Protein backbone atom coordinates (compact mmCIF):
# COMPACT_ATOMS: atom_id res chain seq x y z
CA MET A 1 -20.61 4.31 1.11
CA SER A 2 -18.05 6.80 2.39
CA THR A 3 -14.32 6.59 3.05
CA LEU A 4 -12.52 8.41 5.86
CA ILE A 5 -8.90 9.14 4.95
CA ILE A 6 -6.75 9.97 7.96
CA GLY A 7 -3.84 12.11 6.80
CA GLY A 8 -5.72 13.00 3.64
CA THR A 9 -3.68 16.08 2.83
CA GLY A 10 -0.38 14.20 2.69
CA PHE A 11 1.86 13.02 -0.14
CA ILE A 12 -0.13 9.83 -0.82
CA GLY A 13 -3.42 10.76 0.83
CA SER A 14 -4.17 13.77 -1.39
CA ARG A 15 -3.83 11.58 -4.47
CA VAL A 16 -5.99 8.79 -3.07
CA MET A 17 -8.70 11.35 -2.36
CA ARG A 18 -8.71 12.51 -5.97
CA LEU A 19 -8.90 8.92 -7.23
CA LEU A 20 -11.84 8.08 -4.98
CA GLN A 21 -13.63 11.30 -5.93
CA ALA A 22 -13.12 10.47 -9.62
CA ARG A 23 -14.85 7.13 -8.93
CA GLY A 24 -17.80 8.98 -7.38
CA GLU A 25 -16.96 7.87 -3.85
CA PRO A 26 -17.84 10.22 -0.96
CA VAL A 27 -14.62 11.09 0.88
CA ILE A 28 -14.02 12.54 4.33
CA CYS A 29 -10.54 14.00 4.79
CA MET A 30 -9.37 14.06 8.38
CA ASP A 31 -6.20 15.97 9.04
CA ILE A 32 -4.72 18.17 11.73
CA ASN A 33 -4.63 20.86 9.03
CA PRO A 34 -7.63 20.04 6.81
CA PRO A 35 -7.94 21.62 3.36
CA ARG A 36 -10.57 24.13 2.32
CA VAL A 37 -13.19 22.52 0.08
CA ASP A 38 -16.39 23.54 -1.65
CA GLY A 39 -19.63 21.62 -1.50
CA GLU A 40 -19.42 20.26 -5.05
CA THR A 41 -16.21 18.25 -4.78
CA GLY A 42 -17.74 15.21 -3.11
CA MET A 43 -15.20 15.59 -0.31
CA LYS A 44 -15.70 16.76 3.27
CA ALA A 45 -12.80 18.01 5.37
CA VAL A 46 -12.69 17.70 9.17
CA ARG A 47 -10.00 18.64 11.65
CA GLY A 48 -8.75 15.83 13.84
CA ASP A 49 -5.62 14.56 15.55
CA VAL A 50 -5.14 10.82 15.19
CA THR A 51 -3.15 10.74 18.45
CA GLN A 52 -6.25 11.95 20.32
CA PHE A 53 -8.69 9.06 20.72
CA ASP A 54 -11.64 11.34 21.43
CA ASP A 55 -11.11 13.11 18.10
CA LEU A 56 -11.33 9.86 16.19
CA VAL A 57 -14.32 8.51 18.09
CA ASP A 58 -16.20 11.77 17.64
CA ILE A 59 -15.50 11.91 13.90
CA MET A 60 -16.25 8.25 13.21
CA PHE A 61 -19.53 8.26 15.11
CA ARG A 62 -20.57 11.54 13.50
CA GLU A 63 -19.55 10.70 9.92
CA LYS A 64 -20.15 6.93 10.10
CA PRO A 65 -17.66 5.98 7.34
CA ASP A 66 -17.94 2.54 5.82
CA ARG A 67 -14.20 2.43 5.14
CA VAL A 68 -11.18 3.95 6.88
CA LEU A 69 -7.74 4.53 5.36
CA ASN A 70 -4.94 5.58 7.72
CA LEU A 71 -2.04 7.34 6.01
CA SER A 72 -0.91 9.34 9.04
CA TYR A 73 2.57 8.34 10.26
CA PHE A 74 6.15 9.56 10.57
CA LEU A 75 8.52 8.47 7.81
CA GLY A 76 12.04 7.65 8.90
CA SER A 77 13.58 6.79 12.29
CA GLU A 78 15.11 10.10 13.34
CA HIS A 79 12.17 11.19 15.48
CA ALA A 80 12.17 11.43 19.27
CA PRO A 81 10.92 8.10 20.70
CA ARG A 82 7.80 9.46 22.40
CA THR A 83 6.88 11.65 19.42
CA ALA A 84 7.15 8.73 17.00
CA PHE A 85 5.31 6.40 19.39
CA LYS A 86 2.35 8.77 19.72
CA LEU A 87 1.72 8.96 15.98
CA ASN A 88 2.95 5.61 14.67
CA ILE A 89 1.77 3.32 17.48
CA LEU A 90 -0.88 5.10 19.55
CA GLY A 91 -2.35 6.88 16.51
CA MET A 92 -2.70 3.62 14.58
CA ASP A 93 -4.28 1.82 17.53
CA ASN A 94 -6.68 4.75 18.00
CA CYS A 95 -7.71 4.25 14.37
CA PHE A 96 -8.35 0.51 14.83
CA GLU A 97 -10.27 0.91 18.08
CA ALA A 98 -12.41 3.84 16.92
CA ALA A 99 -13.24 1.97 13.71
CA ARG A 100 -14.26 -1.05 15.78
CA LEU A 101 -16.50 0.97 18.07
CA ALA A 102 -18.10 2.85 15.17
CA GLY A 103 -18.68 -0.33 13.15
CA ALA A 104 -16.58 0.58 10.09
CA LYS A 105 -16.63 -2.32 7.65
CA ARG A 106 -13.08 -1.99 6.32
CA VAL A 107 -9.79 -0.52 7.56
CA VAL A 108 -6.67 -0.17 5.40
CA PHE A 109 -3.37 1.25 6.58
CA ALA A 110 0.12 1.94 5.28
CA SER A 111 2.82 -0.42 6.45
CA SER A 112 6.20 -0.41 4.66
CA LEU A 113 8.86 -2.47 2.93
CA ALA A 114 11.00 -1.43 5.92
CA VAL A 115 9.51 -4.30 7.94
CA ASN A 116 11.64 -6.70 5.89
CA GLY A 117 15.00 -5.26 6.96
CA GLN A 118 18.10 -5.75 4.84
CA GLN A 119 18.07 -7.65 1.54
CA LYS A 120 20.97 -9.79 2.79
CA PHE A 121 18.53 -11.83 4.89
CA PHE A 122 16.85 -13.06 1.68
CA GLY A 123 19.77 -13.36 -0.73
CA ASP A 124 18.95 -12.62 -4.35
CA ARG A 125 15.29 -13.56 -4.21
CA ALA A 126 12.23 -11.35 -4.04
CA VAL A 127 10.63 -10.98 -0.61
CA THR A 128 7.01 -12.07 -0.13
CA GLU A 129 4.45 -10.98 2.42
CA ASP A 130 4.90 -14.29 4.28
CA ASP A 131 8.64 -13.90 4.89
CA PHE A 132 10.03 -13.24 8.35
CA ARG A 133 10.27 -9.51 9.11
CA HIS A 134 13.83 -8.48 10.02
CA GLY A 135 13.28 -4.71 10.33
CA ASP A 136 15.10 -3.34 13.37
CA ASN A 137 14.99 0.48 13.24
CA GLN A 138 12.37 2.71 14.84
CA TYR A 139 10.20 3.06 11.74
CA ALA A 140 10.38 -0.63 10.80
CA VAL A 141 9.58 -1.87 14.30
CA HIS A 142 6.61 0.48 14.54
CA LYS A 143 5.23 -0.87 11.27
CA ILE A 144 5.75 -4.45 12.45
CA PHE A 145 3.81 -3.61 15.61
CA ASN A 146 1.02 -2.08 13.51
CA GLU A 147 0.75 -5.31 11.51
CA GLU A 148 0.68 -7.40 14.69
CA GLN A 149 -1.94 -5.14 16.28
CA ALA A 150 -4.09 -5.45 13.15
CA LYS A 151 -3.73 -9.24 13.37
CA ASP A 152 -4.92 -9.14 16.98
CA TYR A 153 -7.96 -7.01 16.09
CA ARG A 154 -8.84 -9.40 13.27
CA ALA A 155 -8.55 -12.43 15.54
CA LYS A 156 -10.44 -11.02 18.53
CA PHE A 157 -13.09 -8.88 16.88
CA GLY A 158 -13.42 -10.26 13.34
CA MET A 159 -12.45 -6.93 11.82
CA SER A 160 -11.35 -6.50 8.20
CA ILE A 161 -8.00 -4.70 8.46
CA THR A 162 -5.55 -4.74 5.55
CA ALA A 163 -1.93 -3.58 5.43
CA VAL A 164 -0.30 -2.28 2.26
CA ARG A 165 3.50 -2.20 2.23
CA PRO A 166 4.68 0.54 -0.16
CA ALA A 167 8.20 0.25 -1.51
CA ASN A 168 10.33 3.43 -2.05
CA VAL A 169 7.56 5.82 -3.05
CA THR A 170 8.75 8.52 -5.43
CA GLY A 171 7.26 11.69 -6.85
CA PRO A 172 8.18 15.33 -7.50
CA ASP A 173 6.89 16.52 -4.12
CA LYS A 174 8.32 13.87 -1.80
CA VAL A 175 10.54 15.46 0.86
CA ARG A 176 10.50 13.00 3.78
CA GLY A 177 11.73 9.49 4.43
CA SER A 178 13.70 7.74 1.72
CA VAL A 179 14.47 10.57 -0.72
CA ASP A 180 17.84 9.86 -2.34
CA HIS A 181 16.14 8.20 -5.31
CA VAL A 182 13.84 11.23 -5.54
CA ASN A 183 16.66 13.77 -5.34
CA CYS A 184 18.53 11.87 -8.04
CA ILE A 185 15.71 12.94 -10.39
CA THR A 186 14.43 16.23 -9.01
CA GLN A 187 17.69 18.06 -8.32
CA PRO A 188 19.13 17.59 -11.84
CA ALA A 189 15.70 18.57 -13.21
CA ARG A 190 16.17 21.92 -11.45
CA GLY A 191 19.69 22.24 -12.82
CA ASN A 192 21.31 21.49 -9.46
CA ALA A 193 24.29 19.23 -8.83
CA ILE A 194 23.78 16.27 -6.50
CA SER A 195 26.16 13.74 -4.93
CA PHE A 196 25.58 10.41 -3.19
CA PRO A 197 27.83 8.14 -1.11
CA TYR A 198 27.40 4.91 -3.10
CA GLN A 199 26.80 4.26 -6.78
CA ASP A 200 25.65 0.68 -6.16
CA ALA A 201 23.11 1.57 -3.46
CA MET A 202 19.86 -0.17 -4.36
CA ARG A 203 16.29 1.10 -4.16
CA CYS A 204 12.86 -0.17 -5.20
CA PRO A 205 11.05 2.97 -6.36
CA VAL A 206 7.35 3.02 -7.18
CA HIS A 207 5.60 6.18 -8.33
CA VAL A 208 3.21 7.84 -5.90
CA ASP A 209 0.39 7.77 -8.47
CA ASP A 210 0.74 3.99 -8.69
CA VAL A 211 0.77 3.64 -4.91
CA ALA A 212 -2.33 5.84 -4.63
CA GLU A 213 -4.10 3.59 -7.13
CA VAL A 214 -3.14 0.54 -5.05
CA PHE A 215 -4.62 2.08 -1.90
CA ALA A 216 -7.77 3.10 -3.76
CA ARG A 217 -8.35 -0.42 -5.09
CA VAL A 218 -7.62 -2.13 -1.79
CA VAL A 219 -9.79 0.18 0.32
CA LEU A 220 -12.73 -0.17 -2.09
CA ALA A 221 -12.53 -3.97 -2.12
CA ASP A 222 -15.28 -5.64 -0.11
CA ALA A 223 -13.28 -8.67 0.97
CA PRO A 224 -9.56 -8.78 0.10
CA LYS A 225 -8.15 -12.28 0.04
CA HIS A 226 -5.08 -11.39 2.10
CA ASP A 227 -4.19 -9.32 5.14
CA VAL A 228 -0.98 -7.82 3.72
CA TYR A 229 0.03 -6.70 0.22
CA ASN A 230 3.43 -5.63 -1.14
CA THR A 231 3.29 -2.85 -3.71
CA GLY A 232 6.65 -3.86 -5.17
CA GLY A 233 8.43 -1.52 -7.56
CA THR A 234 11.50 -1.39 -9.79
CA ALA A 235 14.78 -2.64 -8.34
CA ILE A 236 17.46 -0.20 -9.49
CA SER A 237 20.79 1.15 -8.29
CA LEU A 238 21.31 4.86 -7.85
CA GLY A 239 24.01 4.62 -10.49
CA SER A 240 21.59 3.14 -13.02
CA LEU A 241 18.97 5.70 -12.06
CA ALA A 242 21.51 8.46 -12.66
CA GLU A 243 22.19 7.11 -16.15
CA MET A 244 18.45 7.05 -16.84
CA VAL A 245 18.15 10.68 -15.76
CA LYS A 246 21.08 11.61 -18.01
CA GLU A 247 19.23 10.14 -21.00
CA PHE A 248 16.77 13.02 -20.58
CA LEU A 249 19.17 15.56 -19.09
CA PRO A 250 22.62 14.98 -20.67
CA ASP A 251 24.15 17.80 -18.63
CA ALA A 252 22.91 16.42 -15.30
CA ARG A 253 25.59 16.67 -12.61
CA ILE A 254 25.20 13.49 -10.56
CA THR A 255 28.29 12.13 -8.80
CA PHE A 256 29.13 9.33 -6.39
CA LYS A 257 31.88 9.17 -3.78
CA ASN A 258 32.18 5.37 -4.00
CA GLU A 259 31.37 2.88 -6.74
CA THR A 260 30.74 0.02 -4.31
CA GLY A 261 29.85 -0.49 -0.69
CA GLY A 262 26.21 0.54 -0.68
CA ARG A 263 24.42 -2.61 -1.75
CA ASP A 264 24.82 -4.39 1.58
CA ILE A 265 23.19 -1.53 3.48
CA SER A 266 20.45 -0.79 0.97
CA GLY A 267 17.54 -2.43 2.74
CA ASN A 268 15.03 -4.61 0.93
CA TYR A 269 14.87 -3.92 -2.81
CA LEU A 270 13.72 -7.21 -4.38
CA ILE A 271 9.99 -7.47 -3.69
CA ASP A 272 7.33 -9.90 -4.89
CA ASN A 273 3.95 -8.23 -5.48
CA THR A 274 2.29 -11.22 -7.16
CA ARG A 275 -0.72 -11.33 -4.87
CA LEU A 276 -1.48 -7.64 -5.49
CA VAL A 277 -1.16 -8.01 -9.26
CA GLN A 278 -3.22 -11.19 -9.45
CA GLU A 279 -6.02 -10.03 -7.15
CA PHE A 280 -6.32 -6.38 -8.12
CA GLY A 281 -4.97 -6.32 -11.68
CA VAL A 282 -2.42 -3.65 -10.82
CA GLN A 283 -0.11 -2.63 -13.66
CA TYR A 284 2.51 0.07 -13.24
CA ARG A 285 3.68 2.36 -16.00
CA PRO A 286 7.33 1.73 -16.99
CA PHE A 287 9.60 3.40 -14.47
CA ARG A 288 11.51 5.20 -17.23
CA GLN A 289 8.26 6.99 -18.16
CA ARG A 290 7.75 7.94 -14.54
CA VAL A 291 11.26 9.41 -14.37
CA LEU A 292 10.51 11.60 -17.39
CA GLN A 293 7.17 12.57 -15.84
CA ILE A 294 8.85 13.67 -12.60
CA ILE A 295 11.52 15.62 -14.47
CA ASN A 296 8.93 17.55 -16.44
CA GLU A 297 6.68 18.17 -13.45
CA VAL A 298 9.63 19.68 -11.60
CA ARG A 299 10.73 21.73 -14.59
CA ALA A 300 7.22 23.03 -15.18
CA ALA A 301 7.04 24.17 -11.56
CA GLU A 302 10.42 25.89 -11.92
CA GLY A 303 9.49 27.60 -15.21
CA LEU A 304 12.10 25.61 -17.14
CA PRO A 305 11.63 24.12 -20.62
CA LEU A 306 10.29 20.58 -20.68
CA VAL A 307 12.32 17.72 -22.09
CA SER A 308 11.12 15.05 -24.51
CA GLY A 309 11.38 11.32 -24.30
């Protein structure tokens, strides 16, 4: 049984590919800039543009994947409307329709915590997958549409399509989307100063390796019990994250312009991932360990001495 990963060379996709290969799963990486591979890796690379329906139909009928994972989308809401629409809306629908025509058994795609909107709509409780979605920016509304389109495909064609909502994914090589929590770790690791507007701004970071493991488990499942899963993460303020970084890098230069005022505009940061944990047995490494891991990965890349825990 093979898995087609759309956007397989990306931040999350490249890690999911390695996890599936380690499990002995045949993987087909589709990307507009596919990687070079050798014949012994268990991975095949094909060039394709998810916004072009003919590309997807051709690849799916030729490769006949049993499972499809779509990780091709624009992070953030700063993109031109038509550009974002083509990838986030049309590209996702192309994936669903091509998978239907080709008879793929399972489709999994990346949604986002952004669909939930601001935490203020939920008070001090963790948000579940069944809560009303208040997201109102470009990125959030596109993800809400993706979830509704998946629901329509399930209802009308009996397809198995599952959405995973990552929280604030973090890792040493993340450069797009929500990155303040990443820069709070990576810039001090390089010896650079960094400043943020609000010390009390809240995030829900989850390490990219953990998110990749979630996608791997969900896409390999024959019959998930639910249509949507929250990854969850660790609710933490940027101020508290800065203090954690300073435990490892005492000379870190992290400053804030304001102590308060950021919490109310922080988005959703309290997230319930009970259904994911109970069904798939997901357990994340302590976030403090992940912070140290990111620091040392950055420092190794920069030729700087590693730090201990």
